[in-house]
Amino acid sequence: QVLSVYLSSLEQWLGCHLCFCVFQRFFSQPSRFFGYLADASYSIYLFHHLAIVAVSGLLVEVTTSVFLKFSVVIFLAGLLPLAMHELLIRRVPLLRLLFNGK
């Protein structure tokens, strides 16, 4: 049983190490795309909670697959705050200063 716990922990640590190595290898050079996402990350972090509550509240009465509803919530919880960042926060200087410090 001790060996099983050890091997399970080792597998998790190696999986994390593999993720770090892959991302360091392929995503360590500067990128406009990841720079944009870094600028939008605080906005997405703050507003995705509201998007999840709003979208899931609208989908409660919809009779369809739970997996489809979950996929729609996940997609819109990323898309709506990103659109809000692009259309509102980046274009209003005061909001840009408050949310990004720039």
C-alpha atoms as a PDB file:
ATOM      1  CA  GLN A   1       0.000   0.000   0.000  1.00  0.00           C
ATOM      2  CA  VAL A   2       2.887   2.377   0.756  1.00  0.00           C
ATOM      3  CA  LEU A   3       4.408   1.606  -2.639  1.00  0.00           C
ATOM      4  CA  SER A   4       1.071   2.326  -4.321  1.00  0.00           C
ATOM      5  CA  VAL A   5       0.809   5.730  -2.632  1.00  0.00           C
ATOM      6  CA  TYR A   6       4.432   6.500  -3.512  1.00  0.00           C
ATOM      7  CA  LEU A   7       3.973   5.561  -7.177  1.00  0.00           C
ATOM      8  CA  SER A   8       0.761   7.576  -7.405  1.00  0.00           C
ATOM      9  CA  SER A   9       2.510  10.643  -5.970  1.00  0.00           C
ATOM     10  CA  LEU A  10       5.492  10.130  -8.258  1.00  0.00           C
ATOM     11  CA  GLU A  11       3.173   9.934 -11.265  1.00  0.00           C
ATOM     12  CA  GLN A  12       1.546  13.239 -10.313  1.00  0.00           C
ATOM     13  CA  TRP A  13       4.891  14.980  -9.796  1.00  0.00           C
ATOM     14  CA  LEU A  14       6.226  13.689 -13.112  1.00  0.00           C
ATOM     15  CA  GLY A  15       3.059  14.843 -14.871  1.00  0.00           C
ATOM     16  CA  CYS A  16       3.505  18.345 -13.435  1.00  0.00           C
ATOM     17  CA  HIS A  17       7.187  18.321 -14.393  1.00  0.00           C
ATOM     18  CA  LEU A  18       6.280  17.289 -17.941  1.00  0.00           C
ATOM     19  CA  CYS A  19       3.796  20.171 -18.216  1.00  0.00           C
ATOM     20  CA  PHE A  20       6.398  22.675 -17.013  1.00  0.00           C
ATOM     21  CA  CYS A  21       9.034  21.326 -19.416  1.00  0.00           C
ATOM     22  CA  VAL A  22       6.690  21.387 -22.417  1.00  0.00           C
ATOM     23  CA  PHE A  23       5.541  24.938 -21.718  1.00  0.00           C
ATOM     24  CA  GLN A  24       9.069  26.153 -21.103  1.00  0.00           C
ATOM     25  CA  ARG A  25      10.240  24.568 -24.344  1.00  0.00           C
ATOM     26  CA  PHE A  26       7.469  25.810 -26.616  1.00  0.00           C
ATOM     27  CA  PHE A  27       6.113  28.951 -24.955  1.00  0.00           C
ATOM     28  CA  SER A  28       9.141  30.710 -23.457  1.00  0.00           C
ATOM     29  CA  GLN A  29       9.677  33.187 -26.312  1.00  0.00           C
ATOM     30  CA  PRO A  30       7.710  36.471 -26.250  1.00  0.00           C
ATOM     31  CA  SER A  31       4.396  36.356 -28.084  1.00  0.00           C
ATOM     32  CA  ARG A  32       1.823  39.015 -28.931  1.00  0.00           C
ATOM     33  CA  PHE A  33      -0.977  36.537 -28.257  1.00  0.00           C
ATOM     34  CA  PHE A  34       0.220  35.590 -24.777  1.00  0.00           C
ATOM     35  CA  GLY A  35       1.087  39.224 -24.053  1.00  0.00           C
ATOM     36  CA  TYR A  36      -2.496  40.170 -24.874  1.00  0.00           C
ATOM     37  CA  LEU A  37      -3.836  37.378 -22.658  1.00  0.00           C
ATOM     38  CA  ALA A  38      -1.525  38.519 -19.859  1.00  0.00           C
ATOM     39  CA  ASP A  39      -2.959  42.038 -20.119  1.00  0.00           C
ATOM     40  CA  ALA A  40      -6.507  40.668 -20.100  1.00  0.00           C
ATOM     41  CA  SER A  41      -5.926  38.126 -17.318  1.00  0.00           C
ATOM     42  CA  TYR A  42      -7.016  40.355 -14.429  1.00  0.00           C
ATOM     43  CA  SER A  43     -10.202  41.376 -16.243  1.00  0.00           C
ATOM     44  CA  ILE A  44     -10.973  37.768 -17.086  1.00  0.00           C
ATOM     45  CA  TYR A  45     -10.245  36.699 -13.511  1.00  0.00           C
ATOM     46  CA  LEU A  46     -12.608  39.296 -12.054  1.00  0.00           C
ATOM     47  CA  PHE A  47     -15.506  39.004 -14.476  1.00  0.00           C
ATOM     48  CA  HIS A  48     -15.625  35.308 -15.327  1.00  0.00           C
ATOM     49  CA  HIS A  49     -17.469  34.636 -12.066  1.00  0.00           C
ATOM     50  CA  LEU A  50     -20.276  36.951 -13.134  1.00  0.00           C
ATOM     51  CA  ALA A  51     -20.366  35.376 -16.576  1.00  0.00           C
ATOM     52  CA  ILE A  52     -20.648  31.882 -15.074  1.00  0.00           C
ATOM     53  CA  VAL A  53     -23.540  32.902 -12.819  1.00  0.00           C
ATOM     54  CA  ALA A  54     -25.355  34.803 -15.585  1.00  0.00           C
ATOM     55  CA  VAL A  55     -24.961  32.171 -18.307  1.00  0.00           C
ATOM     56  CA  SER A  56     -25.733  29.225 -16.051  1.00  0.00           C
ATOM     57  CA  GLY A  57     -28.769  31.082 -14.710  1.00  0.00           C
ATOM     58  CA  LEU A  58     -30.040  31.493 -18.260  1.00  0.00           C
ATOM     59  CA  LEU A  59     -29.423  27.821 -19.036  1.00  0.00           C
ATOM     60  CA  VAL A  60     -31.174  26.373 -15.981  1.00  0.00           C
ATOM     61  CA  GLU A  61     -34.516  26.033 -17.755  1.00  0.00           C
ATOM     62  CA  VAL A  62     -33.032  24.785 -21.034  1.00  0.00           C
ATOM     63  CA  THR A  63     -33.660  21.098 -21.549  1.00  0.00           C
ATOM     64  CA  THR A  64     -30.553  19.743 -23.201  1.00  0.00           C
ATOM     65  CA  SER A  65     -27.494  17.731 -22.316  1.00  0.00           C
ATOM     66  CA  VAL A  66     -25.678  18.724 -19.155  1.00  0.00           C
ATOM     67  CA  PHE A  67     -22.392  18.374 -21.044  1.00  0.00           C
ATOM     68  CA  LEU A  68     -23.565  20.792 -23.727  1.00  0.00           C
ATOM     69  CA  LYS A  69     -24.674  23.310 -21.102  1.00  0.00           C
ATOM     70  CA  PHE A  70     -21.346  22.958 -19.284  1.00  0.00           C
ATOM     71  CA  SER A  71     -19.457  23.500 -22.541  1.00  0.00           C
ATOM     72  CA  VAL A  72     -21.490  26.628 -23.307  1.00  0.00           C
ATOM     73  CA  VAL A  73     -20.873  28.007 -19.810  1.00  0.00           C
ATOM     74  CA  ILE A  74     -17.125  27.351 -20.059  1.00  0.00           C
ATOM     75  CA  PHE A  75     -16.888  28.909 -23.530  1.00  0.00           C
ATOM     76  CA  LEU A  76     -18.896  32.011 -22.648  1.00  0.00           C
ATOM     77  CA  ALA A  77     -17.195  32.409 -19.254  1.00  0.00           C
ATOM     78  CA  GLY A  78     -13.967  32.957 -21.177  1.00  0.00           C
ATOM     79  CA  LEU A  79     -15.348  34.823 -24.160  1.00  0.00           C
ATOM     80  CA  LEU A  80     -17.580  37.394 -22.432  1.00  0.00           C
ATOM     81  CA  PRO A  81     -14.926  38.797 -20.054  1.00  0.00           C
ATOM     82  CA  LEU A  82     -12.398  38.828 -22.899  1.00  0.00           C
ATOM     83  CA  ALA A  83     -14.851  40.792 -25.075  1.00  0.00           C
ATOM     84  CA  MET A  84     -15.526  43.123 -22.156  1.00  0.00           C
ATOM     85  CA  HIS A  85     -11.804  43.688 -21.769  1.00  0.00           C
ATOM     86  CA  GLU A  86     -11.371  44.377 -25.486  1.00  0.00           C
ATOM     87  CA  LEU A  87     -14.413  46.596 -25.974  1.00  0.00           C
ATOM     88  CA  LEU A  88     -14.465  48.469 -22.677  1.00  0.00           C
ATOM     89  CA  ILE A  89     -11.362  48.239 -20.530  1.00  0.00           C
ATOM     90  CA  ARG A  90      -8.746  48.684 -23.264  1.00  0.00           C
ATOM     91  CA  ARG A  91     -10.592  51.674 -24.776  1.00  0.00           C
ATOM     92  CA  VAL A  92     -11.399  53.688 -21.640  1.00  0.00           C
ATOM     93  CA  PRO A  93      -8.203  55.170 -20.167  1.00  0.00           C
ATOM     94  CA  LEU A  94      -9.476  55.236 -16.571  1.00  0.00           C
ATOM     95  CA  LEU A  95     -10.587  51.589 -16.735  1.00  0.00           C
ATOM     96  CA  ARG A  96      -7.306  50.597 -18.382  1.00  0.00           C
ATOM     97  CA  LEU A  97      -5.451  52.242 -15.493  1.00  0.00           C
ATOM     98  CA  LEU A  98      -7.661  50.608 -12.860  1.00  0.00           C
ATOM     99  CA  PHE A  99      -7.561  47.094 -14.297  1.00  0.00           C
ATOM    100  CA  ASN A 100      -4.090  46.916 -15.856  1.00  0.00           C
ATOM    101  CA  GLY A 101      -2.148  49.703 -14.215  1.00  0.00           C
ATOM    102  CA  LYS A 102      -1.234  51.118 -17.622  1.00  0.00           C
END
